[in-house]
Amino acid sequence: MSTLQVQGLWVYPVKSFQGMRVPRWPVEPLGLRFDRRWMLVDPQGRFLSQRRLPAMARLRAYLAYHDAQAGHPRLVLYDAAGEAFEVPMPNPTGPRLRVRVWKDEVEALWVSREADAWLAARLGADVRLVYFPDDAHRPLSPRYGYPGEGTTFTDGYPILLITQGSLDDLNRRLTQPVGAERFRPNVLLGPTEPYAEDTWHRIRIGRVSVRVVKPCTRCVITTLDPRTGQRLGKEPLATLATYRRGRGGVLFGQNAVPEGEGLWEVGQRVTVLRARGAW
């Protein structure tokens, strides 16, 4: 088999919006830089995603980030018609909101009334745009994380990885194949045997060691068109449920934790440092 390497990289600046496929990007212990640093919440501070607002899939978040090694980028949002809205970086001393992501609570920076109004007009819902500040800490589950490790507004872990071998195996079972984007990964690795990632404990991507901590439980978002939010049926969840069901639900991909920082690039070599038994 050919050398294992990075075949795709995605950054999702705003949770549940369309992301960016990038050729290279800095990685830190919190994940790919600026991944899920922004999020929408309802008036009660509860996070919003395509599960509750499928129309979020029609909004695209783009980081105008000419120097990906330093500094803050400009975040530009685009609606389905291509209309743009540039989001100002929030003032670190500005208003803060207590927000909830699943069972976690964290203090977030409120961005602006103008951003809320622009988004509300396109989503038909009362929303707030918030930012995960540099001084916030959202710890990982103690079952899988070490003291001091954390994440941003992700569903729970800094990195979601999938492999081409597993995607190919799934698509052989489907009438209509699906692309990697249906699973909203940060990293696509290949070539591999199907579900080789289930046996990885620690890998190295470029110069960064990555701990593979637990399988990812998949939700209804995988059944939505990643560009429109339209429900496409029961696939791929229905097929995955026939052979990839675990204790928490239907599984595809692995959650992972970077143990350093560096630059990840498409084509970069990946090394399996330590294996584990299958889940």
Protein backbone atom coordinates (compact mmCIF):
# COMPACT_ATOMS: atom_id res chain seq x y z
CA MET A 1 0.00 0.00 0.00
CA SER A 2 1.16 3.56 -0.70
CA THR A 3 2.47 5.85 2.00
CA LEU A 4 -0.21 7.05 4.44
CA GLN A 5 -0.69 10.79 4.02
CA VAL A 6 -3.01 13.73 4.48
CA GLN A 7 -5.52 13.76 1.61
CA GLY A 8 -7.75 16.60 2.80
CA LEU A 9 -7.94 19.37 5.40
CA TRP A 10 -11.02 21.34 6.47
CA VAL A 11 -11.46 24.26 8.87
CA TYR A 12 -14.93 25.25 10.14
CA PRO A 13 -14.61 28.75 11.61
CA VAL A 14 -18.30 28.90 12.62
CA LYS A 15 -19.81 25.78 14.11
CA SER A 16 -22.28 24.13 11.69
CA PHE A 17 -21.62 26.56 8.82
CA GLN A 18 -19.93 25.45 5.62
CA GLY A 19 -16.21 25.20 6.18
CA MET A 20 -13.06 25.79 4.17
CA ARG A 21 -11.07 23.12 2.40
CA VAL A 22 -7.46 24.26 2.68
CA PRO A 23 -4.11 23.00 1.33
CA ARG A 24 -2.28 23.71 4.60
CA TRP A 25 -3.14 25.06 8.04
CA PRO A 26 -1.57 25.54 11.47
CA VAL A 27 -2.52 23.01 14.13
CA GLU A 28 -2.43 23.59 17.89
CA PRO A 29 -3.47 21.56 20.95
CA LEU A 30 -6.99 23.07 20.50
CA GLY A 31 -7.11 21.74 16.92
CA LEU A 32 -6.76 23.50 13.59
CA ARG A 33 -6.30 27.18 14.30
CA PHE A 34 -9.62 29.06 14.52
CA ASP A 35 -11.64 25.89 13.98
CA ARG A 36 -15.08 26.32 15.62
CA ARG A 37 -14.00 29.50 17.39
CA TRP A 38 -17.35 31.13 16.48
CA MET A 39 -20.79 29.72 17.22
CA LEU A 40 -24.46 30.67 17.15
CA VAL A 41 -26.56 30.47 20.29
CA ASP A 42 -30.23 31.03 21.01
CA PRO A 43 -31.43 33.73 23.47
CA GLN A 44 -30.93 31.24 26.32
CA GLY A 45 -27.28 30.74 25.38
CA ARG A 46 -27.73 27.20 24.03
CA PHE A 47 -25.67 26.31 20.98
CA LEU A 48 -27.35 26.06 17.59
CA SER A 49 -26.44 23.67 14.80
CA GLN A 50 -27.97 22.18 11.67
CA ARG A 51 -29.83 19.77 13.92
CA ARG A 52 -32.11 22.66 14.93
CA LEU A 53 -31.52 25.07 12.04
CA PRO A 54 -30.72 23.17 8.81
CA ALA A 55 -30.51 26.52 6.98
CA MET A 56 -27.14 27.07 8.67
CA ALA A 57 -25.72 24.77 5.98
CA ARG A 58 -26.40 27.51 3.40
CA LEU A 59 -24.05 29.95 5.15
CA ARG A 60 -20.35 29.85 4.40
CA ALA A 61 -17.59 31.03 6.72
CA TYR A 62 -14.32 32.14 5.16
CA LEU A 63 -11.16 33.22 6.95
CA ALA A 64 -9.22 35.84 5.01
CA TYR A 65 -6.00 34.67 6.55
CA HIS A 66 -2.99 35.62 4.43
CA ASP A 67 -0.46 34.72 7.11
CA ALA A 68 -1.70 31.52 8.70
CA GLN A 69 1.21 31.51 11.13
CA ALA A 70 0.38 34.61 13.12
CA GLY A 71 -2.20 37.24 13.85
CA HIS A 72 -5.96 37.29 13.68
CA PRO A 73 -7.81 36.77 10.39
CA ARG A 74 -10.83 38.51 8.98
CA LEU A 75 -13.93 36.33 9.16
CA VAL A 76 -16.28 36.84 6.22
CA LEU A 77 -19.72 35.21 6.09
CA TYR A 78 -21.51 34.55 2.80
CA ASP A 79 -25.15 33.68 2.30
CA ALA A 80 -26.57 31.50 -0.48
CA ALA A 81 -26.86 34.50 -2.78
CA GLY A 82 -23.21 35.40 -2.29
CA GLU A 83 -23.86 38.47 -0.13
CA ALA A 84 -20.97 38.99 2.27
CA PHE A 85 -20.73 40.23 5.84
CA GLU A 86 -17.36 40.89 7.46
CA VAL A 87 -17.36 39.95 11.12
CA PRO A 88 -15.27 42.17 13.38
CA MET A 89 -12.99 40.48 15.87
CA PRO A 90 -14.64 40.97 19.26
CA ASN A 91 -12.99 43.17 21.85
CA PRO A 92 -11.40 40.91 24.51
CA THR A 93 -12.82 43.26 27.16
CA GLY A 94 -16.25 43.37 25.54
CA PRO A 95 -19.54 41.83 26.69
CA ARG A 96 -19.53 38.14 27.57
CA LEU A 97 -22.26 35.54 27.56
CA ARG A 98 -22.46 32.25 29.41
CA VAL A 99 -23.14 29.68 26.69
CA ARG A 100 -23.80 25.96 26.66
CA VAL A 101 -22.37 23.36 24.25
CA TRP A 102 -23.96 20.01 25.02
CA LYS A 103 -23.32 19.60 28.78
CA ASP A 104 -20.49 22.12 28.95
CA GLU A 105 -20.77 25.77 29.91
CA VAL A 106 -18.19 28.33 28.88
CA GLU A 107 -17.88 32.10 28.88
CA ALA A 108 -17.90 33.49 25.33
CA LEU A 109 -17.44 36.92 23.80
CA TRP A 110 -20.50 38.41 22.13
CA VAL A 111 -19.58 39.66 18.65
CA SER A 112 -22.04 42.43 17.69
CA ARG A 113 -25.69 43.41 17.15
CA GLU A 114 -24.96 43.90 13.45
CA ALA A 115 -23.74 40.34 13.07
CA ASP A 116 -26.78 39.00 14.94
CA ALA A 117 -29.14 40.98 12.71
CA TRP A 118 -27.48 39.83 9.49
CA LEU A 119 -27.67 36.20 10.59
CA ALA A 120 -31.21 36.41 11.95
CA ALA A 121 -32.45 37.78 8.63
CA ARG A 122 -31.07 34.75 6.80
CA LEU A 123 -31.99 32.08 9.31
CA GLY A 124 -35.38 33.36 10.41
CA ALA A 125 -34.42 32.88 14.05
CA ASP A 126 -33.28 34.97 17.00
CA VAL A 127 -29.55 34.17 17.24
CA ARG A 128 -26.37 35.50 18.81
CA LEU A 129 -22.90 35.10 17.31
CA VAL A 130 -20.26 34.41 19.96
CA TYR A 131 -16.51 33.86 19.95
CA PHE A 132 -14.38 31.48 22.03
CA PRO A 133 -11.88 33.82 23.70
CA ASP A 134 -8.22 33.05 24.25
CA ASP A 135 -8.65 32.99 28.04
CA ALA A 136 -11.52 30.46 28.00
CA HIS A 137 -11.05 26.80 28.82
CA ARG A 138 -13.40 23.98 27.95
CA PRO A 139 -11.83 20.76 29.26
CA LEU A 140 -12.03 17.44 27.50
CA SER A 141 -13.94 14.58 29.07
CA PRO A 142 -11.72 13.19 31.86
CA ARG A 143 -12.39 9.75 30.42
CA TYR A 144 -10.38 10.58 27.30
CA GLY A 145 -8.48 13.79 28.03
CA TYR A 146 -5.60 14.73 30.29
CA PRO A 147 -5.63 17.66 32.75
CA GLY A 148 -5.16 20.93 30.90
CA GLU A 149 -6.38 19.63 27.54
CA GLY A 150 -9.36 21.37 26.02
CA THR A 151 -11.38 22.19 22.96
CA THR A 152 -13.34 25.09 21.48
CA PHE A 153 -16.98 24.94 20.31
CA THR A 154 -16.53 21.48 18.79
CA ASP A 155 -18.85 18.62 19.70
CA GLY A 156 -16.23 17.51 22.20
CA TYR A 157 -12.73 17.01 20.77
CA PRO A 158 -10.23 19.14 18.85
CA ILE A 159 -9.89 16.99 15.72
CA LEU A 160 -12.20 14.70 13.76
CA LEU A 161 -10.41 12.42 11.32
CA ILE A 162 -11.74 9.99 8.75
CA THR A 163 -9.93 7.72 6.29
CA GLN A 164 -10.36 7.17 2.59
CA GLY A 165 -10.46 3.39 3.05
CA SER A 166 -13.45 3.63 5.38
CA LEU A 167 -15.23 6.12 3.12
CA ASP A 168 -14.66 3.87 0.10
CA ASP A 169 -15.99 0.86 2.02
CA LEU A 170 -19.14 2.78 3.00
CA ASN A 171 -19.69 4.01 -0.55
CA ARG A 172 -19.50 0.47 -1.91
CA ARG A 173 -22.52 -0.30 0.27
CA LEU A 174 -24.54 2.77 -0.75
CA THR A 175 -26.70 3.28 -3.83
CA GLN A 176 -25.63 6.94 -3.95
CA PRO A 177 -22.03 7.54 -2.80
CA VAL A 178 -21.33 10.37 -0.36
CA GLY A 179 -18.33 12.68 -0.15
CA ALA A 180 -16.08 13.28 2.82
CA GLU A 181 -17.84 16.61 3.46
CA ARG A 182 -20.96 14.79 4.67
CA PHE A 183 -19.00 13.89 7.82
CA ARG A 184 -17.48 17.35 8.41
CA PRO A 185 -13.96 16.05 9.12
CA ASN A 186 -10.90 18.13 9.86
CA VAL A 187 -8.56 15.60 8.29
CA LEU A 188 -8.93 12.90 5.62
CA LEU A 189 -6.12 10.33 5.67
CA GLY A 190 -5.29 7.63 3.16
CA PRO A 191 -4.79 5.24 1.64
CA THR A 192 -5.86 2.78 4.35
CA GLU A 193 -7.68 -0.46 4.83
CA PRO A 194 -11.31 0.11 5.90
CA TYR A 195 -11.49 1.24 9.53
CA ALA A 196 -7.77 1.05 10.11
CA GLU A 197 -8.27 4.16 12.24
CA ASP A 198 -10.08 2.01 14.83
CA THR A 199 -6.74 0.38 15.64
CA TRP A 200 -4.70 3.58 16.03
CA HIS A 201 -3.75 4.88 19.45
CA ARG A 202 -1.19 7.51 18.48
CA ILE A 203 -0.17 8.82 15.06
CA ARG A 204 2.11 11.57 13.79
CA ILE A 205 0.97 14.02 11.13
CA GLY A 206 3.98 15.96 9.92
CA ARG A 207 5.81 16.73 13.17
CA VAL A 208 2.75 16.71 15.42
CA SER A 209 1.86 13.71 17.53
CA VAL A 210 -1.89 13.04 17.68
CA ARG A 211 -3.71 10.85 20.19
CA VAL A 212 -6.69 9.00 18.71
CA VAL A 213 -9.11 8.87 21.63
CA LYS A 214 -12.56 7.57 20.67
CA PRO A 215 -14.86 6.77 17.73
CA CYS A 216 -17.15 9.56 16.58
CA THR A 217 -20.88 9.01 17.06
CA ARG A 218 -22.74 10.29 14.00
CA CYS A 219 -25.96 12.29 13.96
CA VAL A 220 -28.68 13.38 11.55
CA ILE A 221 -26.45 16.10 10.04
CA THR A 222 -24.80 13.39 7.91
CA THR A 223 -28.15 12.93 6.13
CA LEU A 224 -28.33 16.61 5.09
CA ASP A 225 -27.01 18.16 1.91
CA PRO A 226 -23.84 19.94 3.14
CA ARG A 227 -24.55 22.94 0.90
CA THR A 228 -28.30 23.43 1.39
CA GLY A 229 -29.29 21.66 4.60
CA GLN A 230 -31.96 19.73 2.69
CA ARG A 231 -32.76 16.30 4.14
CA LEU A 232 -31.65 13.72 1.58
CA GLY A 233 -33.14 10.64 3.23
CA LYS A 234 -31.82 8.22 5.82
CA GLU A 235 -28.41 7.58 4.31
CA PRO A 236 -25.63 7.14 5.16
CA LEU A 237 -26.82 6.57 8.75
CA ALA A 238 -29.15 3.71 7.82
CA THR A 239 -26.40 1.71 6.15
CA LEU A 240 -23.80 2.54 8.80
CA ALA A 241 -26.21 1.31 11.46
CA THR A 242 -26.13 -2.18 9.95
CA TYR A 243 -22.42 -2.66 10.63
CA ARG A 244 -21.00 0.30 12.58
CA ARG A 245 -23.20 0.56 15.65
CA GLY A 246 -21.44 1.01 19.00
CA ARG A 247 -22.45 1.72 22.55
CA GLY A 248 -23.21 5.36 21.87
CA GLY A 249 -24.79 5.01 18.45
CA VAL A 250 -23.64 4.85 14.83
CA LEU A 251 -19.87 5.29 14.47
CA PHE A 252 -17.74 6.74 11.68
CA GLY A 253 -14.36 8.41 12.05
CA GLN A 254 -12.30 9.06 15.15
CA ASN A 255 -11.97 11.96 17.57
CA ALA A 256 -8.37 12.97 18.19
CA VAL A 257 -6.21 15.32 20.25
CA PRO A 258 -3.05 17.04 18.91
CA GLU A 259 -0.19 16.90 21.40
CA GLY A 260 1.77 19.81 20.01
CA GLU A 261 1.68 22.44 17.31
CA GLY A 262 2.92 22.72 13.76
CA LEU A 263 1.73 23.00 10.17
CA TRP A 264 -0.39 20.34 8.46
CA GLU A 265 -0.41 20.09 4.68
CA VAL A 266 -2.14 18.00 2.06
CA GLY A 267 0.32 15.34 0.94
CA GLN A 268 2.10 15.30 4.29
CA ARG A 269 3.26 11.94 5.56
CA VAL A 270 1.38 10.25 8.40
CA THR A 271 3.00 7.65 10.66
CA VAL A 272 1.22 5.25 13.01
CA LEU A 273 3.27 5.43 16.20
CA ARG A 274 1.25 3.07 18.37
CA ALA A 275 -1.64 0.74 17.63
CA ARG A 276 -4.47 -0.51 19.84
CA GLY A 277 -6.98 -3.28 19.60
CA ALA A 278 -10.15 -2.57 17.62
CA TRP A 279 -12.95 -0.82 19.49
